[in-house]
């Protein structure tokens, strides 16, 4: 991964949340899988979109 891309990604957790949401089809299902709340998944996804 290039250094500039690392700077653009807010956190690895945000990527994991985004991937789980895409794979499972909903943020609620991703939250259950990752053992966090649904708003937490949504927040992490938003941090990726804003970069």
PDB file of N, CA and C in Angstrom:
ATOM      1  N   UNK A   1       0.852  -1.179   0.000  1.00  0.00           N
ATOM      2  CA  UNK A   1       0.000   0.000   0.000  1.00  0.00           C
ATOM      3  C   UNK A   1       0.890   1.232   0.000  1.00  0.00           C
ATOM      4  N   UNK A   2       0.572   2.157  -0.846  1.00  0.00           N
ATOM      5  CA  UNK A   2       1.395   3.359  -0.928  1.00  0.00           C
ATOM      6  C   UNK A   2       1.190   4.229   0.312  1.00  0.00           C
ATOM      7  N   UNK A   3       2.188   5.017   0.608  1.00  0.00           N
ATOM      8  CA  UNK A   3       2.137   5.881   1.792  1.00  0.00           C
ATOM      9  C   UNK A   3       0.987   6.877   1.711  1.00  0.00           C
ATOM     10  N   UNK A   4       0.736   7.430   0.536  1.00  0.00           N
ATOM     11  CA  UNK A   4      -0.357   8.404   0.419  1.00  0.00           C
ATOM     12  C   UNK A   4      -1.715   7.754   0.664  1.00  0.00           C
ATOM     13  N   UNK A   5      -1.877   6.511   0.244  1.00  0.00           N
ATOM     14  CA  UNK A   5      -3.137   5.807   0.494  1.00  0.00           C
ATOM     15  C   UNK A   5      -3.309   5.538   1.983  1.00  0.00           C
ATOM     16  N   UNK A   6      -2.240   5.200   2.672  1.00  0.00           N
ATOM     17  CA  UNK A   6      -2.320   4.990   4.124  1.00  0.00           C
ATOM     18  C   UNK A   6      -2.783   6.253   4.834  1.00  0.00           C
ATOM     19  N   UNK A   7      -2.362   7.394   4.368  1.00  0.00           N
ATOM     20  CA  UNK A   7      -2.770   8.647   4.990  1.00  0.00           C
ATOM     21  C   UNK A   7      -4.239   8.945   4.735  1.00  0.00           C
ATOM     22  N   UNK A   8      -4.768   8.491   3.610  1.00  0.00           N
ATOM     23  CA  UNK A   8      -6.153   8.769   3.260  1.00  0.00           C
ATOM     24  C   UNK A   8      -7.138   7.890   4.020  1.00  0.00           C
ATOM     25  N   UNK A   9      -6.715   6.711   4.420  1.00  0.00           N
ATOM     26  CA  UNK A   9      -7.599   5.788   5.127  1.00  0.00           C
ATOM     27  C   UNK A   9      -7.565   6.114   6.611  1.00  0.00           C
ATOM     28  N   UNK A  10      -8.742   6.381   7.182  1.00  0.00           N
ATOM     29  CA  UNK A  10      -8.806   6.818   8.570  1.00  0.00           C
ATOM     30  C   UNK A  10      -8.341   5.747   9.546  1.00  0.00           C
ATOM     31  N   UNK A  11      -8.726   4.500   9.303  1.00  0.00           N
ATOM     32  CA  UNK A  11      -8.300   3.430  10.195  1.00  0.00           C
ATOM     33  C   UNK A  11      -8.598   2.078   9.561  1.00  0.00           C
ATOM     34  N   UNK A  12      -7.848   1.052   9.949  1.00  0.00           N
ATOM     35  CA  UNK A  12      -8.161  -0.292   9.451  1.00  0.00           C
ATOM     36  C   UNK A  12      -9.554  -0.737   9.889  1.00  0.00           C
ATOM     37  N   UNK A  13      -9.982  -0.309  11.072  1.00  0.00           N
ATOM     38  CA  UNK A  13     -11.317  -0.670  11.550  1.00  0.00           C
ATOM     39  C   UNK A  13     -12.416  -0.187  10.631  1.00  0.00           C
ATOM     40  N   UNK A  14     -12.207   0.987  10.045  1.00  0.00           N
ATOM     41  CA  UNK A  14     -13.190   1.518   9.107  1.00  0.00           C
ATOM     42  C   UNK A  14     -13.282   0.641   7.863  1.00  0.00           C
ATOM     43  N   UNK A  15     -12.141   0.155   7.404  1.00  0.00           N
ATOM     44  CA  UNK A  15     -12.149  -0.742   6.246  1.00  0.00           C
ATOM     45  C   UNK A  15     -12.846  -2.060   6.563  1.00  0.00           C
ATOM     46  N   UNK A  16     -12.576  -2.609   7.749  1.00  0.00           N
ATOM     47  CA  UNK A  16     -13.227  -3.854   8.149  1.00  0.00           C
ATOM     48  C   UNK A  16     -14.742  -3.671   8.232  1.00  0.00           C
ATOM     49  N   UNK A  17     -15.169  -2.546   8.787  1.00  0.00           N
ATOM     50  CA  UNK A  17     -16.605  -2.271   8.899  1.00  0.00           C
ATOM     51  C   UNK A  17     -17.238  -2.132   7.522  1.00  0.00           C
ATOM     52  N   UNK A  18     -16.568  -1.426   6.626  1.00  0.00           N
ATOM     53  CA  UNK A  18     -17.085  -1.254   5.271  1.00  0.00           C
ATOM     54  C   UNK A  18     -17.181  -2.587   4.544  1.00  0.00           C
ATOM     55  N   UNK A  19     -16.143  -3.400   4.677  1.00  0.00           N
ATOM     56  CA  UNK A  19     -16.138  -4.701   4.011  1.00  0.00           C
ATOM     57  C   UNK A  19     -17.249  -5.600   4.550  1.00  0.00           C
ATOM     58  N   UNK A  20     -17.419  -5.621   5.864  1.00  0.00           N
ATOM     59  CA  UNK A  20     -18.471  -6.447   6.460  1.00  0.00           C
ATOM     60  C   UNK A  20     -19.847  -5.983   6.004  1.00  0.00           C
ATOM     61  N   UNK A  21     -20.038  -4.678   5.934  1.00  0.00           N
ATOM     62  CA  UNK A  21     -21.326  -4.146   5.485  1.00  0.00           C
ATOM     63  C   UNK A  21     -21.606  -4.550   4.042  1.00  0.00           C
ATOM     64  N   UNK A  22     -20.604  -4.446   3.195  1.00  0.00           N
ATOM     65  CA  UNK A  22     -20.774  -4.818   1.788  1.00  0.00           C
ATOM     66  C   UNK A  22     -21.037  -6.313   1.649  1.00  0.00           C
ATOM     67  N   UNK A  23     -20.313  -7.111   2.391  1.00  0.00           N
ATOM     68  CA  UNK A  23     -20.448  -8.567   2.280  1.00  0.00           C
ATOM     69  C   UNK A  23     -21.790  -9.051   2.811  1.00  0.00           C
ATOM     70  N   UNK A  24     -22.239  -8.472   3.926  1.00  0.00           N
ATOM     71  CA  UNK A  24     -23.463  -8.933   4.580  1.00  0.00           C
ATOM     72  C   UNK A  24     -24.714  -8.199   4.102  1.00  0.00           C
ATOM     73  N   UNK A  25     -24.530  -7.053   3.463  1.00  0.00           N
ATOM     74  CA  UNK A  25     -25.670  -6.343   2.893  1.00  0.00           C
ATOM     75  C   UNK A  25     -26.358  -5.351   3.801  1.00  0.00           C
ATOM     76  N   UNK A  26     -25.917  -5.236   5.046  1.00  0.00           N
ATOM     77  CA  UNK A  26     -26.512  -4.233   5.937  1.00  0.00           C
ATOM     78  C   UNK A  26     -25.555  -3.897   7.068  1.00  0.00           C
ATOM     79  N   UNK A  27     -25.695  -2.680   7.563  1.00  0.00           N
ATOM     80  CA  UNK A  27     -24.841  -2.278   8.676  1.00  0.00           C
ATOM     81  C   UNK A  27     -25.257  -2.969   9.969  1.00  0.00           C
ATOM     82  N   UNK A  28     -26.538  -3.320  10.080  1.00  0.00           N
ATOM     83  CA  UNK A  28     -26.995  -4.028  11.278  1.00  0.00           C
ATOM     84  C   UNK A  28     -26.359  -5.421  11.354  1.00  0.00           C
ATOM     85  N   UNK A  29     -26.308  -6.120  10.236  1.00  0.00           N
ATOM     86  CA  UNK A  29     -25.690  -7.450  10.224  1.00  0.00           C
ATOM     87  C   UNK A  29     -24.184  -7.344  10.471  1.00  0.00           C
ATOM     88  N   UNK A  30     -23.566  -6.316   9.929  1.00  0.00           N
ATOM     89  CA  UNK A  30     -22.130  -6.112  10.165  1.00  0.00           C
ATOM     90  C   UNK A  30     -21.866  -5.828  11.638  1.00  0.00           C
ATOM     91  N   UNK A  31     -22.742  -5.063  12.248  1.00  0.00           N
ATOM     92  CA  UNK A  31     -22.585  -4.751  13.670  1.00  0.00           C
ATOM     93  C   UNK A  31     -22.664  -6.004  14.526  1.00  0.00           C
ATOM     94  N   UNK A  32     -23.593  -6.877  14.205  1.00  0.00           N
ATOM     95  CA  UNK A  32     -23.712  -8.137  14.954  1.00  0.00           C
ATOM     96  C   UNK A  32     -22.437  -8.968  14.779  1.00  0.00           C
ATOM     97  N   UNK A  33     -21.959  -9.056  13.558  1.00  0.00           N
ATOM     98  CA  UNK A  33     -20.752  -9.840  13.296  1.00  0.00           C
ATOM     99  C   UNK A  33     -19.531  -9.269  14.013  1.00  0.00           C
ATOM    100  N   UNK A  34     -19.430  -7.946  14.040  1.00  0.00           N
ATOM    101  CA  UNK A  34     -18.257  -7.314  14.645  1.00  0.00           C
ATOM    102  C   UNK A  34     -18.441  -7.031  16.139  1.00  0.00           C
ATOM    103  N   UNK A  35     -19.623  -7.356  16.655  1.00  0.00           N
ATOM    104  CA  UNK A  35     -19.933  -7.185  18.075  1.00  0.00           C
ATOM    105  C   UNK A  35     -19.818  -5.722  18.514  1.00  0.00           C
ATOM    106  N   UNK A  36     -20.372  -4.836  17.691  1.00  0.00           N
ATOM    107  CA  UNK A  36     -20.449  -3.410  18.004  1.00  0.00           C
ATOM    108  C   UNK A  36     -21.862  -2.942  17.681  1.00  0.00           C
ATOM    109  N   UNK A  37     -22.151  -1.678  17.943  1.00  0.00           N
ATOM    110  CA  UNK A  37     -23.481  -1.153  17.633  1.00  0.00           C
ATOM    111  C   UNK A  37     -23.577  -0.757  16.167  1.00  0.00           C
ATOM    112  N   UNK A  38     -24.794  -0.696  15.668  1.00  0.00           N
ATOM    113  CA  UNK A  38     -25.017  -0.304  14.283  1.00  0.00           C
ATOM    114  C   UNK A  38     -24.562   1.131  14.028  1.00  0.00           C
ATOM    115  N   UNK A  39     -24.822   2.080  14.943  1.00  0.00           N
ATOM    116  CA  UNK A  39     -24.310   3.432  14.701  1.00  0.00           C
ATOM    117  C   UNK A  39     -22.783   3.484  14.602  1.00  0.00           C
ATOM    118  N   UNK A  40     -22.107   2.600  15.304  1.00  0.00           N
ATOM    119  CA  UNK A  40     -20.648   2.538  15.212  1.00  0.00           C
ATOM    120  C   UNK A  40     -20.205   2.147  13.806  1.00  0.00           C
ATOM    121  N   UNK A  41     -20.897   1.188  13.229  1.00  0.00           N
ATOM    122  CA  UNK A  41     -20.583   0.774  11.853  1.00  0.00           C
ATOM    123  C   UNK A  41     -20.842   1.928  10.887  1.00  0.00           C
ATOM    124  N   UNK A  42     -21.953   2.605  11.054  1.00  0.00           N
ATOM    125  CA  UNK A  42     -22.285   3.732  10.178  1.00  0.00           C
ATOM    126  C   UNK A  42     -21.252   4.846  10.294  1.00  0.00           C
ATOM    127  N   UNK A  43     -20.833   5.144  11.504  1.00  0.00           N
ATOM    128  CA  UNK A  43     -19.827   6.183  11.713  1.00  0.00           C
ATOM    129  C   UNK A  43     -18.513   5.816  11.027  1.00  0.00           C
ATOM    130  N   UNK A  44     -18.095   4.574  11.202  1.00  0.00           N
ATOM    131  CA  UNK A  44     -16.843   4.141  10.581  1.00  0.00           C
ATOM    132  C   UNK A  44     -16.918   4.231   9.063  1.00  0.00           C
ATOM    133  N   UNK A  45     -18.059   3.877   8.496  1.00  0.00           N
ATOM    134  CA  UNK A  45     -18.228   3.966   7.043  1.00  0.00           C
ATOM    135  C   UNK A  45     -18.189   5.425   6.575  1.00  0.00           C
ATOM    136  N   UNK A  46     -18.803   6.308   7.354  1.00  0.00           N
ATOM    137  CA  UNK A  46     -18.789   7.735   6.995  1.00  0.00           C
ATOM    138  C   UNK A  46     -17.380   8.297   7.008  1.00  0.00           C
ATOM    139  N   UNK A  47     -16.532   7.811   7.917  1.00  0.00           N
ATOM    140  CA  UNK A  47     -15.165   8.333   7.965  1.00  0.00           C
ATOM    141  C   UNK A  47     -14.409   7.975   6.684  1.00  0.00           C
ATOM    142  N   UNK A  48     -14.732   6.845   6.089  1.00  0.00           N
ATOM    143  CA  UNK A  48     -14.101   6.484   4.820  1.00  0.00           C
ATOM    144  C   UNK A  48     -14.591   7.374   3.691  1.00  0.00           C
ATOM    145  N   UNK A  49     -15.873   7.693   3.678  1.00  0.00           N
ATOM    146  CA  UNK A  49     -16.444   8.498   2.614  1.00  0.00           C
ATOM    147  C   UNK A  49     -15.931   9.923   2.627  1.00  0.00           C
ATOM    148  N   UNK A  50     -15.572  10.420   3.789  1.00  0.00           N
ATOM    149  CA  UNK A  50     -15.164  11.819   3.890  1.00  0.00           C
ATOM    150  C   UNK A  50     -13.688  12.024   3.524  1.00  0.00           C
ATOM    151  N   UNK A  51     -12.941  10.949   3.335  1.00  0.00           N
ATOM    152  CA  UNK A  51     -11.525  11.110   3.012  1.00  0.00           C
ATOM    153  C   UNK A  51     -11.301  11.207   1.523  1.00  0.00           C
TER     154      UNK A  51
END
